[in-house]
Amino acid sequence: MPFLIETWDKVGQGPLRQAHRPAHLAWLEEQKGLLLACGAKMSDDGQTPQGSFYIVDVDSRSAAEAFIQADPFSQVGLPERVVITRWRLAFLDRRSYL
């Protein structure tokens, strides 16, 4: 059952994000079997990351919580806010799953 996880970075933490980005990307590579989609949320000019967005295929909310807590960004305190929402797949990669 997919869950959508949305995070908002603490303001002014760009250097913290950059410092831990390699570990975050390596961790995502390890987790790719759970990922339906993920990426950074960017400012309108496309220059400044403001948080992250993940859609993970896990069995429960507690598994989604464990997933985001294991993210190196979470472990260094980058997110100011995290919201986890159960998600129903309807379309992905221009394909219907209805």
N, C-alpha and C. Protein backbone atom coordinates (compact mmCIF):
# COMPACT_ATOMS: atom_id res chain seq x y z
N MET A 1 0.84 -1.17 0.00
CA MET A 1 0.00 0.00 0.00
C MET A 1 0.88 1.24 0.00
N PRO A 2 0.76 2.07 -0.98
CA PRO A 2 1.62 3.24 -1.06
C PRO A 2 1.29 4.32 -0.02
N PHE A 3 2.34 4.98 0.40
CA PHE A 3 2.23 6.15 1.27
C PHE A 3 3.00 7.29 0.64
N LEU A 4 2.42 8.47 0.72
CA LEU A 4 3.07 9.70 0.27
C LEU A 4 3.71 10.33 1.50
N ILE A 5 4.97 10.65 1.41
CA ILE A 5 5.69 11.32 2.50
C ILE A 5 6.18 12.65 1.96
N GLU A 6 5.78 13.72 2.62
CA GLU A 6 6.20 15.06 2.21
C GLU A 6 6.94 15.72 3.37
N THR A 7 8.10 16.29 3.06
CA THR A 7 8.87 16.98 4.08
C THR A 7 9.10 18.43 3.68
N TRP A 8 9.25 19.28 4.67
CA TRP A 8 9.59 20.68 4.48
C TRP A 8 10.89 20.93 5.23
N ASP A 9 11.91 21.44 4.53
CA ASP A 9 13.19 21.74 5.16
C ASP A 9 13.06 22.93 6.10
N LYS A 10 13.88 22.92 7.14
CA LYS A 10 14.00 24.10 7.99
C LYS A 10 14.61 25.22 7.14
N VAL A 11 14.14 26.41 7.35
CA VAL A 11 14.62 27.57 6.59
C VAL A 11 16.11 27.78 6.84
N GLY A 12 16.83 28.09 5.78
CA GLY A 12 18.25 28.42 5.89
C GLY A 12 19.16 27.22 6.07
N GLN A 13 18.67 26.02 5.76
CA GLN A 13 19.48 24.82 5.98
C GLN A 13 20.05 24.23 4.70
N GLY A 14 20.18 25.06 3.67
CA GLY A 14 20.78 24.60 2.42
C GLY A 14 22.15 23.96 2.60
N PRO A 15 23.04 24.56 3.39
CA PRO A 15 24.35 23.94 3.59
C PRO A 15 24.26 22.56 4.27
N LEU A 16 23.33 22.39 5.20
CA LEU A 16 23.15 21.09 5.85
C LEU A 16 22.67 20.06 4.83
N ARG A 17 21.73 20.46 3.99
CA ARG A 17 21.23 19.57 2.93
C ARG A 17 22.38 19.16 2.01
N GLN A 18 23.16 20.12 1.55
CA GLN A 18 24.26 19.83 0.63
C GLN A 18 25.30 18.91 1.27
N ALA A 19 25.59 19.13 2.54
CA ALA A 19 26.60 18.32 3.23
C ALA A 19 26.18 16.86 3.32
N HIS A 20 24.89 16.61 3.45
CA HIS A 20 24.40 15.25 3.65
C HIS A 20 23.75 14.64 2.40
N ARG A 21 23.78 15.38 1.31
CA ARG A 21 23.17 14.89 0.07
C ARG A 21 23.79 13.59 -0.43
N PRO A 22 25.13 13.44 -0.44
CA PRO A 22 25.69 12.16 -0.90
C PRO A 22 25.19 10.96 -0.09
N ALA A 23 25.12 11.09 1.21
CA ALA A 23 24.61 10.00 2.06
C ALA A 23 23.14 9.75 1.78
N HIS A 24 22.38 10.83 1.58
CA HIS A 24 20.95 10.71 1.26
C HIS A 24 20.76 9.96 -0.06
N LEU A 25 21.52 10.33 -1.08
CA LEU A 25 21.39 9.68 -2.39
C LEU A 25 21.81 8.21 -2.33
N ALA A 26 22.85 7.91 -1.57
CA ALA A 26 23.27 6.51 -1.42
C ALA A 26 22.19 5.71 -0.70
N TRP A 27 21.57 6.30 0.31
CA TRP A 27 20.49 5.64 1.04
C TRP A 27 19.30 5.41 0.12
N LEU A 28 18.94 6.40 -0.71
CA LEU A 28 17.84 6.22 -1.66
C LEU A 28 18.13 5.06 -2.61
N GLU A 29 19.35 4.95 -3.06
CA GLU A 29 19.72 3.84 -3.94
C GLU A 29 19.48 2.50 -3.25
N GLU A 30 19.79 2.43 -1.96
CA GLU A 30 19.55 1.20 -1.19
C GLU A 30 18.06 0.92 -1.02
N GLN A 31 17.25 1.96 -1.03
CA GLN A 31 15.82 1.84 -0.79
C GLN A 31 14.99 1.77 -2.08
N LYS A 32 15.61 1.74 -3.24
CA LYS A 32 14.89 1.88 -4.50
C LYS A 32 13.80 0.83 -4.70
N GLY A 33 13.91 -0.31 -4.05
CA GLY A 33 12.86 -1.32 -4.16
C GLY A 33 11.55 -0.89 -3.53
N LEU A 34 11.59 0.11 -2.64
CA LEU A 34 10.39 0.63 -1.98
C LEU A 34 9.86 1.89 -2.66
N LEU A 35 10.66 2.51 -3.49
CA LEU A 35 10.32 3.82 -4.05
C LEU A 35 9.50 3.71 -5.34
N LEU A 36 8.34 4.32 -5.34
CA LEU A 36 7.59 4.50 -6.58
C LEU A 36 8.00 5.81 -7.23
N ALA A 37 8.30 6.81 -6.41
CA ALA A 37 8.75 8.12 -6.90
C ALA A 37 9.35 8.87 -5.72
N CYS A 38 10.25 9.79 -6.02
CA CYS A 38 10.77 10.69 -4.99
C CYS A 38 11.53 11.82 -5.67
N GLY A 39 11.75 12.87 -4.92
CA GLY A 39 12.52 13.99 -5.42
C GLY A 39 12.43 15.19 -4.51
N ALA A 40 13.27 16.16 -4.78
CA ALA A 40 13.28 17.40 -4.00
C ALA A 40 12.15 18.31 -4.47
N LYS A 41 11.55 19.02 -3.52
CA LYS A 41 10.61 20.10 -3.85
C LYS A 41 11.43 21.37 -3.99
N MET A 42 11.27 22.05 -5.11
CA MET A 42 12.13 23.19 -5.43
C MET A 42 11.36 24.51 -5.39
N SER A 43 12.10 25.60 -5.17
CA SER A 43 11.53 26.93 -5.30
C SER A 43 11.08 27.15 -6.74
N ASP A 44 10.24 28.14 -6.97
CA ASP A 44 9.71 28.40 -8.32
C ASP A 44 10.80 28.62 -9.36
N ASP A 45 11.95 29.16 -8.97
CA ASP A 45 13.02 29.38 -9.93
C ASP A 45 13.85 28.12 -10.17
N GLY A 46 13.52 27.04 -9.47
CA GLY A 46 14.21 25.77 -9.66
C GLY A 46 15.60 25.70 -9.07
N GLN A 47 15.94 26.66 -8.21
CA GLN A 47 17.30 26.75 -7.68
C GLN A 47 17.46 26.25 -6.24
N THR A 48 16.40 26.35 -5.45
CA THR A 48 16.54 26.09 -4.02
C THR A 48 15.66 24.93 -3.56
N PRO A 49 16.27 23.84 -3.07
CA PRO A 49 15.46 22.76 -2.51
C PRO A 49 14.75 23.25 -1.24
N GLN A 50 13.50 22.85 -1.10
CA GLN A 50 12.70 23.30 0.04
C GLN A 50 12.15 22.14 0.85
N GLY A 51 12.43 20.93 0.44
CA GLY A 51 11.93 19.75 1.12
C GLY A 51 11.97 18.59 0.15
N SER A 52 11.30 17.52 0.51
CA SER A 52 11.31 16.32 -0.32
C SER A 52 9.92 15.71 -0.41
N PHE A 53 9.77 14.85 -1.40
CA PHE A 53 8.51 14.18 -1.69
C PHE A 53 8.84 12.74 -2.04
N TYR A 54 8.22 11.81 -1.35
CA TYR A 54 8.45 10.39 -1.59
C TYR A 54 7.11 9.69 -1.73
N ILE A 55 7.03 8.73 -2.62
CA ILE A 55 5.92 7.79 -2.62
C ILE A 55 6.57 6.42 -2.45
N VAL A 56 6.25 5.79 -1.32
CA VAL A 56 6.88 4.52 -0.98
C VAL A 56 5.83 3.42 -0.92
N ASP A 57 6.22 2.24 -1.34
CA ASP A 57 5.34 1.08 -1.31
C ASP A 57 5.73 0.22 -0.11
N VAL A 58 5.08 0.48 1.02
CA VAL A 58 5.35 -0.24 2.26
C VAL A 58 4.03 -0.77 2.82
N ASP A 59 4.11 -1.65 3.80
CA ASP A 59 2.94 -2.35 4.32
C ASP A 59 2.09 -1.56 5.31
N SER A 60 2.66 -0.52 5.92
CA SER A 60 1.93 0.15 7.00
C SER A 60 2.45 1.57 7.21
N ARG A 61 1.68 2.34 7.95
CA ARG A 61 2.12 3.69 8.33
C ARG A 61 3.40 3.60 9.15
N SER A 62 3.49 2.62 10.04
CA SER A 62 4.70 2.52 10.86
C SER A 62 5.93 2.23 9.99
N ALA A 63 5.76 1.47 8.92
CA ALA A 63 6.87 1.24 7.99
C ALA A 63 7.24 2.53 7.26
N ALA A 64 6.25 3.34 6.90
CA ALA A 64 6.52 4.64 6.26
C ALA A 64 7.25 5.56 7.24
N GLU A 65 6.85 5.54 8.49
CA GLU A 65 7.52 6.35 9.51
C GLU A 65 8.97 5.90 9.68
N ALA A 66 9.19 4.59 9.72
CA ALA A 66 10.54 4.07 9.86
C ALA A 66 11.39 4.44 8.64
N PHE A 67 10.78 4.40 7.46
CA PHE A 67 11.48 4.77 6.23
C PHE A 67 12.01 6.19 6.34
N ILE A 68 11.15 7.14 6.67
CA ILE A 68 11.60 8.54 6.67
C ILE A 68 12.54 8.83 7.84
N GLN A 69 12.39 8.14 8.93
CA GLN A 69 13.31 8.33 10.06
C GLN A 69 14.71 7.83 9.75
N ALA A 70 14.81 6.85 8.83
CA ALA A 70 16.12 6.32 8.45
C ALA A 70 16.83 7.18 7.40
N ASP A 71 16.12 8.11 6.79
CA ASP A 71 16.72 9.00 5.79
C ASP A 71 17.82 9.83 6.45
N PRO A 72 19.01 9.88 5.87
CA PRO A 72 20.07 10.71 6.44
C PRO A 72 19.65 12.17 6.65
N PHE A 73 18.80 12.71 5.79
CA PHE A 73 18.31 14.08 6.01
C PHE A 73 17.54 14.17 7.33
N SER A 74 16.71 13.19 7.61
CA SER A 74 15.96 13.19 8.87
C SER A 74 16.89 13.02 10.06
N GLN A 75 17.88 12.19 9.91
CA GLN A 75 18.79 11.90 11.01
C GLN A 75 19.63 13.11 11.43
N VAL A 76 19.82 14.06 10.52
CA VAL A 76 20.56 15.28 10.88
C VAL A 76 19.63 16.45 11.18
N GLY A 77 18.32 16.19 11.22
CA GLY A 77 17.37 17.24 11.62
C GLY A 77 17.00 18.22 10.54
N LEU A 78 17.15 17.87 9.27
CA LEU A 78 16.82 18.80 8.19
C LEU A 78 15.33 19.14 8.11
N PRO A 79 14.42 18.17 8.21
CA PRO A 79 13.00 18.52 8.06
C PRO A 79 12.45 19.29 9.27
N GLU A 80 11.73 20.34 8.94
CA GLU A 80 10.96 21.05 9.96
C GLU A 80 9.63 20.36 10.18
N ARG A 81 9.11 19.79 9.09
CA ARG A 81 7.79 19.17 9.13
C ARG A 81 7.78 17.95 8.22
N VAL A 82 7.08 16.90 8.65
CA VAL A 82 6.90 15.69 7.86
C VAL A 82 5.43 15.30 7.93
N VAL A 83 4.85 15.03 6.78
CA VAL A 83 3.46 14.56 6.70
C VAL A 83 3.44 13.25 5.93
N ILE A 84 2.80 12.24 6.51
CA ILE A 84 2.67 10.93 5.88
C ILE A 84 1.19 10.68 5.62
N THR A 85 0.85 10.36 4.37
CA THR A 85 -0.54 10.17 3.96
C THR A 85 -0.64 8.90 3.13
N ARG A 86 -1.63 8.08 3.45
CA ARG A 86 -1.87 6.90 2.61
C ARG A 86 -2.28 7.39 1.23
N TRP A 87 -1.83 6.71 0.20
CA TRP A 87 -2.02 7.18 -1.18
C TRP A 87 -2.56 6.04 -2.03
N ARG A 88 -3.49 6.36 -2.90
CA ARG A 88 -4.03 5.36 -3.83
C ARG A 88 -3.49 5.65 -5.22
N LEU A 89 -2.84 4.67 -5.79
CA LEU A 89 -2.26 4.79 -7.12
C LEU A 89 -3.37 4.82 -8.16
N ALA A 90 -3.40 5.86 -8.97
CA ALA A 90 -4.35 5.97 -10.07
C ALA A 90 -3.59 6.06 -11.40
N PHE A 91 -2.63 6.95 -11.49
CA PHE A 91 -1.79 7.09 -12.68
C PHE A 91 -0.35 7.23 -12.25
N LEU A 92 0.54 6.59 -13.02
CA LEU A 92 1.97 6.70 -12.78
C LEU A 92 2.66 6.50 -14.11
N ASP A 93 3.61 7.36 -14.39
CA ASP A 93 4.38 7.27 -15.63
C ASP A 93 3.45 7.20 -16.85
N ARG A 94 2.42 8.03 -16.81
CA ARG A 94 1.43 8.17 -17.89
C ARG A 94 0.62 6.90 -18.13
N ARG A 95 0.57 6.02 -17.13
CA ARG A 95 -0.21 4.79 -17.24
C ARG A 95 -1.29 4.78 -16.17
N SER A 96 -2.45 4.28 -16.52
CA SER A 96 -3.56 4.16 -15.59
C SER A 96 -3.46 2.84 -14.83
N TYR A 97 -3.71 2.92 -13.53
CA TYR A 97 -3.77 1.73 -12.69
C TYR A 97 -5.17 1.56 -12.11
N LEU A 98 -6.13 2.24 -12.70
CA LEU A 98 -7.50 2.18 -12.21
C LEU A 98 -8.21 0.92 -12.67
